[in-house]
Amino acid sequence: FADLFFLYAFLPAFALCYLLASLA
C-alpha cells in the first residue's frame, strides 16, 4: 500500500474500473 505505484497507478485504475462496474 505504501508505494507510489499503488497510490497513483494501481488504486486509480482499480477505482475507475470498479466505478464503471457499479453501473451494472
PDB file of all heavy atoms in Angstrom:
ATOM      1  N   PHE A   1       0.817  -1.210   0.000  1.00  0.00           N
ATOM      2  CA  PHE A   1       0.000   0.000   0.000  1.00  0.00           C
ATOM      3  C   PHE A   1       0.857   1.269   0.000  1.00  0.00           C
ATOM      4  O   PHE A   1       0.537   2.238  -0.677  1.00  0.00           O
ATOM      5  CB  PHE A   1      -0.912   0.028   1.226  1.00  0.00           C
ATOM      6  CG  PHE A   1      -1.961  -1.047   1.232  1.00  0.00           C
ATOM      7  CD1 PHE A   1      -2.537  -1.459   2.425  1.00  0.00           C
ATOM      8  CD2 PHE A   1      -2.389  -1.635   0.059  1.00  0.00           C
ATOM      9  CE1 PHE A   1      -3.504  -2.440   2.445  1.00  0.00           C
ATOM     10  CE2 PHE A   1      -3.363  -2.618   0.060  1.00  0.00           C
ATOM     11  CZ  PHE A   1      -3.932  -3.020   1.264  1.00  0.00           C
ATOM     12  N   ALA A   2       1.918   1.265   0.804  1.00  0.00           N
ATOM     13  CA  ALA A   2       2.753   2.452   0.965  1.00  0.00           C
ATOM     14  C   ALA A   2       3.763   2.536  -0.169  1.00  0.00           C
ATOM     15  O   ALA A   2       4.970   2.441   0.031  1.00  0.00           O
ATOM     16  CB  ALA A   2       3.453   2.421   2.323  1.00  0.00           C
ATOM     17  N   ASP A   3       3.245   2.714  -1.363  1.00  0.00           N
ATOM     18  CA  ASP A   3       4.088   2.710  -2.559  1.00  0.00           C
ATOM     19  C   ASP A   3       3.470   3.663  -3.577  1.00  0.00           C
ATOM     20  O   ASP A   3       2.236   3.698  -3.746  1.00  0.00           O
ATOM     21  CB  ASP A   3       4.166   1.286  -3.126  1.00  0.00           C
ATOM     22  CG  ASP A   3       5.021   1.213  -4.370  1.00  0.00           C
ATOM     23  OD1 ASP A   3       6.250   1.144  -4.231  1.00  0.00           O
ATOM     24  OD2 ASP A   3       4.439   1.239  -5.472  1.00  0.00           O
ATOM     25  N   LEU A   4       4.299   4.447  -4.252  1.00  0.00           N
ATOM     26  CA  LEU A   4       3.779   5.435  -5.192  1.00  0.00           C
ATOM     27  C   LEU A   4       3.034   4.783  -6.351  1.00  0.00           C
ATOM     28  O   LEU A   4       2.029   5.315  -6.831  1.00  0.00           O
ATOM     29  CB  LEU A   4       4.937   6.292  -5.721  1.00  0.00           C
ATOM     30  CG  LEU A   4       5.586   7.236  -4.699  1.00  0.00           C
ATOM     31  CD1 LEU A   4       6.756   7.968  -5.332  1.00  0.00           C
ATOM     32  CD2 LEU A   4       4.567   8.228  -4.158  1.00  0.00           C
ATOM     33  N   PHE A   5       3.515   3.622  -6.808  1.00  0.00           N
ATOM     34  CA  PHE A   5       2.812   2.937  -7.898  1.00  0.00           C
ATOM     35  C   PHE A   5       1.412   2.525  -7.460  1.00  0.00           C
ATOM     36  O   PHE A   5       0.447   2.669  -8.220  1.00  0.00           O
ATOM     37  CB  PHE A   5       3.605   1.709  -8.350  1.00  0.00           C
ATOM     38  CG  PHE A   5       2.928   0.947  -9.456  1.00  0.00           C
ATOM     39  CD1 PHE A   5       3.034   1.366 -10.771  1.00  0.00           C
ATOM     40  CD2 PHE A   5       2.161  -0.179  -9.176  1.00  0.00           C
ATOM     41  CE1 PHE A   5       2.391   0.669 -11.798  1.00  0.00           C
ATOM     42  CE2 PHE A   5       1.517  -0.874 -10.185  1.00  0.00           C
ATOM     43  CZ  PHE A   5       1.635  -0.443 -11.504  1.00  0.00           C
ATOM     44  N   PHE A   6       1.297   2.005  -6.228  1.00  0.00           N
ATOM     45  CA  PHE A   6      -0.022   1.606  -5.737  1.00  0.00           C
ATOM     46  C   PHE A   6      -0.942   2.819  -5.608  1.00  0.00           C
ATOM     47  O   PHE A   6      -2.099   2.775  -6.019  1.00  0.00           O
ATOM     48  CB  PHE A   6       0.107   0.923  -4.374  1.00  0.00           C
ATOM     49  CG  PHE A   6      -1.222   0.577  -3.752  1.00  0.00           C
ATOM     50  CD1 PHE A   6      -1.901  -0.569  -4.127  1.00  0.00           C
ATOM     51  CD2 PHE A   6      -1.814   1.416  -2.809  1.00  0.00           C
ATOM     52  CE1 PHE A   6      -3.139  -0.878  -3.578  1.00  0.00           C
ATOM     53  CE2 PHE A   6      -3.049   1.115  -2.255  1.00  0.00           C
ATOM     54  CZ  PHE A   6      -3.709  -0.040  -2.639  1.00  0.00           C
ATOM     55  N   LEU A   7      -0.406   3.910  -5.054  1.00  0.00           N
ATOM     56  CA  LEU A   7      -1.232   5.087  -4.777  1.00  0.00           C
ATOM     57  C   LEU A   7      -1.678   5.804  -6.045  1.00  0.00           C
ATOM     58  O   LEU A   7      -2.825   6.260  -6.134  1.00  0.00           O
ATOM     59  CB  LEU A   7      -0.459   6.059  -3.881  1.00  0.00           C
ATOM     60  CG  LEU A   7      -0.171   5.603  -2.456  1.00  0.00           C
ATOM     61  CD1 LEU A   7       0.739   6.604  -1.764  1.00  0.00           C
ATOM     62  CD2 LEU A   7      -1.456   5.435  -1.667  1.00  0.00           C
ATOM     63  N   TYR A   8      -0.774   5.889  -7.028  1.00  0.00           N
ATOM     64  CA  TYR A   8      -1.055   6.747  -8.176  1.00  0.00           C
ATOM     65  C   TYR A   8      -1.242   5.992  -9.490  1.00  0.00           C
ATOM     66  O   TYR A   8      -1.470   6.618 -10.518  1.00  0.00           O
ATOM     67  CB  TYR A   8       0.062   7.779  -8.318  1.00  0.00           C
ATOM     68  CG  TYR A   8       0.077   8.765  -7.171  1.00  0.00           C
ATOM     69  CD1 TYR A   8       1.053   8.686  -6.179  1.00  0.00           C
ATOM     70  CD2 TYR A   8      -0.899   9.746  -7.055  1.00  0.00           C
ATOM     71  CE1 TYR A   8       1.064   9.571  -5.111  1.00  0.00           C
ATOM     72  CE2 TYR A   8      -0.902  10.644  -6.005  1.00  0.00           C
ATOM     73  CZ  TYR A   8       0.088  10.549  -5.026  1.00  0.00           C
ATOM     74  OH  TYR A   8       0.077  11.431  -3.978  1.00  0.00           O
ATOM     75  N   ALA A   9      -1.163   4.687  -9.473  1.00  0.00           N
ATOM     76  CA  ALA A   9      -1.405   3.901 -10.689  1.00  0.00           C
ATOM     77  C   ALA A   9      -2.426   2.788 -10.424  1.00  0.00           C
ATOM     78  O   ALA A   9      -3.506   2.776 -11.024  1.00  0.00           O
ATOM     79  CB  ALA A   9      -0.097   3.311 -11.218  1.00  0.00           C
ATOM     80  N   PHE A  10      -2.071   1.866  -9.534  1.00  0.00           N
ATOM     81  CA  PHE A  10      -2.961   0.724  -9.291  1.00  0.00           C
ATOM     82  C   PHE A  10      -4.302   1.170  -8.723  1.00  0.00           C
ATOM     83  O   PHE A  10      -5.366   0.774  -9.229  1.00  0.00           O
ATOM     84  CB  PHE A  10      -2.292  -0.250  -8.323  1.00  0.00           C
ATOM     85  CG  PHE A  10      -3.137  -1.451  -8.000  1.00  0.00           C
ATOM     86  CD1 PHE A  10      -3.088  -2.598  -8.785  1.00  0.00           C
ATOM     87  CD2 PHE A  10      -3.996  -1.453  -6.898  1.00  0.00           C
ATOM     88  CE1 PHE A  10      -3.878  -3.700  -8.500  1.00  0.00           C
ATOM     89  CE2 PHE A  10      -4.787  -2.547  -6.599  1.00  0.00           C
ATOM     90  CZ  PHE A  10      -4.730  -3.676  -7.411  1.00  0.00           C
ATOM     91  N   LEU A  11      -4.279   1.978  -7.667  1.00  0.00           N
ATOM     92  CA  LEU A  11      -5.524   2.369  -6.997  1.00  0.00           C
ATOM     93  C   LEU A  11      -6.437   3.190  -7.911  1.00  0.00           C
ATOM     94  O   LEU A  11      -7.651   2.911  -7.970  1.00  0.00           O
ATOM     95  CB  LEU A  11      -5.200   3.131  -5.712  1.00  0.00           C
ATOM     96  CG  LEU A  11      -6.273   3.140  -4.616  1.00  0.00           C
ATOM     97  CD1 LEU A  11      -6.684   1.714  -4.256  1.00  0.00           C
ATOM     98  CD2 LEU A  11      -5.771   3.875  -3.389  1.00  0.00           C
ATOM     99  N   PRO A  12      -5.927   4.187  -8.649  1.00  0.00           N
ATOM    100  CA  PRO A  12      -6.817   4.904  -9.580  1.00  0.00           C
ATOM    101  C   PRO A  12      -7.390   4.003 -10.675  1.00  0.00           C
ATOM    102  O   PRO A  12      -8.567   4.139 -11.034  1.00  0.00           O
ATOM    103  CB  PRO A  12      -5.904   5.984 -10.171  1.00  0.00           C
ATOM    104  CG  PRO A  12      -4.859   6.208  -9.146  1.00  0.00           C
ATOM    105  CD  PRO A  12      -4.611   4.845  -8.554  1.00  0.00           C
ATOM    106  N   ALA A  13      -6.556   3.091 -11.211  1.00  0.00           N
ATOM    107  CA  ALA A  13      -7.044   2.177 -12.250  1.00  0.00           C
ATOM    108  C   ALA A  13      -8.151   1.285 -11.702  1.00  0.00           C
ATOM    109  O   ALA A  13      -9.183   1.063 -12.359  1.00  0.00           O
ATOM    110  CB  ALA A  13      -5.898   1.336 -12.799  1.00  0.00           C
ATOM    111  N   PHE A  14      -7.927   0.761 -10.499  1.00  0.00           N
ATOM    112  CA  PHE A  14      -8.957  -0.072  -9.873  1.00  0.00           C
ATOM    113  C   PHE A  14     -10.221   0.730  -9.617  1.00  0.00           C
ATOM    114  O   PHE A  14     -11.334   0.256  -9.893  1.00  0.00           O
ATOM    115  CB  PHE A  14      -8.429  -0.650  -8.563  1.00  0.00           C
ATOM    116  CG  PHE A  14      -9.504  -1.241  -7.693  1.00  0.00           C
ATOM    117  CD1 PHE A  14     -10.135  -2.420  -8.048  1.00  0.00           C
ATOM    118  CD2 PHE A  14      -9.919  -0.597  -6.526  1.00  0.00           C
ATOM    119  CE1 PHE A  14     -11.148  -2.962  -7.265  1.00  0.00           C
ATOM    120  CE2 PHE A  14     -10.929  -1.120  -5.745  1.00  0.00           C
ATOM    121  CZ  PHE A  14     -11.547  -2.308  -6.111  1.00  0.00           C
ATOM    122  N   ALA A  15     -10.067   1.944  -9.083  1.00  0.00           N
ATOM    123  CA  ALA A  15     -11.232   2.776  -8.760  1.00  0.00           C
ATOM    124  C   ALA A  15     -12.057   3.069 -10.011  1.00  0.00           C
ATOM    125  O   ALA A  15     -13.297   3.035  -9.978  1.00  0.00           O
ATOM    126  CB  ALA A  15     -10.777   4.076  -8.098  1.00  0.00           C
ATOM    127  N   LEU A  16     -11.385   3.351 -11.127  1.00  0.00           N
ATOM    128  CA  LEU A  16     -12.095   3.639 -12.375  1.00  0.00           C
ATOM    129  C   LEU A  16     -12.871   2.413 -12.857  1.00  0.00           C
ATOM    130  O   LEU A  16     -14.058   2.517 -13.200  1.00  0.00           O
ATOM    131  CB  LEU A  16     -11.094   4.082 -13.440  1.00  0.00           C
ATOM    132  CG  LEU A  16     -11.678   4.352 -14.835  1.00  0.00           C
ATOM    133  CD1 LEU A  16     -12.707   5.473 -14.777  1.00  0.00           C
ATOM    134  CD2 LEU A  16     -10.564   4.699 -15.823  1.00  0.00           C
ATOM    135  N   CYS A  17     -12.218   1.259 -12.880  1.00  0.00           N
ATOM    136  CA  CYS A  17     -12.890   0.030 -13.328  1.00  0.00           C
ATOM    137  C   CYS A  17     -14.029  -0.355 -12.389  1.00  0.00           C
ATOM    138  O   CYS A  17     -15.107  -0.787 -12.836  1.00  0.00           O
ATOM    139  CB  CYS A  17     -11.885  -1.115 -13.434  1.00  0.00           C
ATOM    140  SG  CYS A  17     -10.644  -0.887 -14.728  1.00  0.00           S
ATOM    141  N   TYR A  18     -13.814  -0.178 -11.101  1.00  0.00           N
ATOM    142  CA  TYR A  18     -14.845  -0.528 -10.120  1.00  0.00           C
ATOM    143  C   TYR A  18     -16.041   0.418 -10.253  1.00  0.00           C
ATOM    144  O   TYR A  18     -17.192  -0.005 -10.124  1.00  0.00           O
ATOM    145  CB  TYR A  18     -14.251  -0.451  -8.715  1.00  0.00           C
ATOM    146  CG  TYR A  18     -15.090  -1.098  -7.649  1.00  0.00           C
ATOM    147  CD1 TYR A  18     -15.058  -2.480  -7.438  1.00  0.00           C
ATOM    148  CD2 TYR A  18     -15.918  -0.341  -6.821  1.00  0.00           C
ATOM    149  CE1 TYR A  18     -15.817  -3.077  -6.459  1.00  0.00           C
ATOM    150  CE2 TYR A  18     -16.687  -0.933  -5.836  1.00  0.00           C
ATOM    151  CZ  TYR A  18     -16.629  -2.300  -5.652  1.00  0.00           C
ATOM    152  OH  TYR A  18     -17.399  -2.889  -4.667  1.00  0.00           O
ATOM    153  N   LEU A  19     -15.747   1.698 -10.515  1.00  0.00           N
ATOM    154  CA  LEU A  19     -16.825   2.674 -10.688  1.00  0.00           C
ATOM    155  C   LEU A  19     -17.644   2.345 -11.928  1.00  0.00           C
ATOM    156  O   LEU A  19     -18.890   2.414 -11.905  1.00  0.00           O
ATOM    157  CB  LEU A  19     -16.226   4.075 -10.807  1.00  0.00           C
ATOM    158  CG  LEU A  19     -17.230   5.233 -10.874  1.00  0.00           C
ATOM    159  CD1 LEU A  19     -18.063   5.302  -9.602  1.00  0.00           C
ATOM    160  CD2 LEU A  19     -16.498   6.556 -11.092  1.00  0.00           C
ATOM    161  N   LEU A  20     -16.976   1.966 -13.013  1.00  0.00           N
ATOM    162  CA  LEU A  20     -17.701   1.574 -14.219  1.00  0.00           C
ATOM    163  C   LEU A  20     -18.525   0.311 -13.978  1.00  0.00           C
ATOM    164  O   LEU A  20     -19.651   0.186 -14.473  1.00  0.00           O
ATOM    165  CB  LEU A  20     -16.714   1.344 -15.367  1.00  0.00           C
ATOM    166  CG  LEU A  20     -15.987   2.598 -15.893  1.00  0.00           C
ATOM    167  CD1 LEU A  20     -14.945   2.206 -16.929  1.00  0.00           C
ATOM    168  CD2 LEU A  20     -16.988   3.588 -16.478  1.00  0.00           C
ATOM    169  N   ALA A  21     -17.967  -0.624 -13.191  1.00  0.00           N
ATOM    170  CA  ALA A  21     -18.699  -1.854 -12.878  1.00  0.00           C
ATOM    171  C   ALA A  21     -19.932  -1.565 -12.031  1.00  0.00           C
ATOM    172  O   ALA A  21     -20.905  -2.336 -12.053  1.00  0.00           O
ATOM    173  CB  ALA A  21     -17.781  -2.832 -12.148  1.00  0.00           C
ATOM    174  N   SER A  22     -19.902  -0.467 -11.287  1.00  0.00           N
ATOM    175  CA  SER A  22     -21.040  -0.108 -10.435  1.00  0.00           C
ATOM    176  C   SER A  22     -22.261   0.276 -11.249  1.00  0.00           C
ATOM    177  O   SER A  22     -23.382   0.328 -10.719  1.00  0.00           O
ATOM    178  CB  SER A  22     -20.655   1.053  -9.509  1.00  0.00           C
ATOM    179  OG  SER A  22     -19.579   0.695  -8.681  1.00  0.00           O
ATOM    180  N   LEU A  23     -22.060   0.568 -12.540  1.00  0.00           N
ATOM    181  CA  LEU A  23     -23.189   0.911 -13.396  1.00  0.00           C
ATOM    182  C   LEU A  23     -24.069  -0.305 -13.664  1.00  0.00           C
ATOM    183  O   LEU A  23     -25.255  -0.163 -13.987  1.00  0.00           O
ATOM    184  CB  LEU A  23     -22.688   1.489 -14.720  1.00  0.00           C
ATOM    185  CG  LEU A  23     -21.848   2.779 -14.605  1.00  0.00           C
ATOM    186  CD1 LEU A  23     -21.340   3.197 -15.981  1.00  0.00           C
ATOM    187  CD2 LEU A  23     -22.663   3.896 -13.959  1.00  0.00           C
ATOM    188  N   ALA A  24     -23.477  -1.502 -13.551  1.00  0.00           N
ATOM    189  CA  ALA A  24     -24.253  -2.726 -13.733  1.00  0.00           C
ATOM    190  C   ALA A  24     -25.079  -3.009 -12.475  1.00  0.00           C
ATOM    191  O   ALA A  24     -24.686  -2.652 -11.357  1.00  0.00           O
ATOM    192  CB  ALA A  24     -23.332  -3.899 -14.027  1.00  0.00           C
TER     193      ALA A  24
END
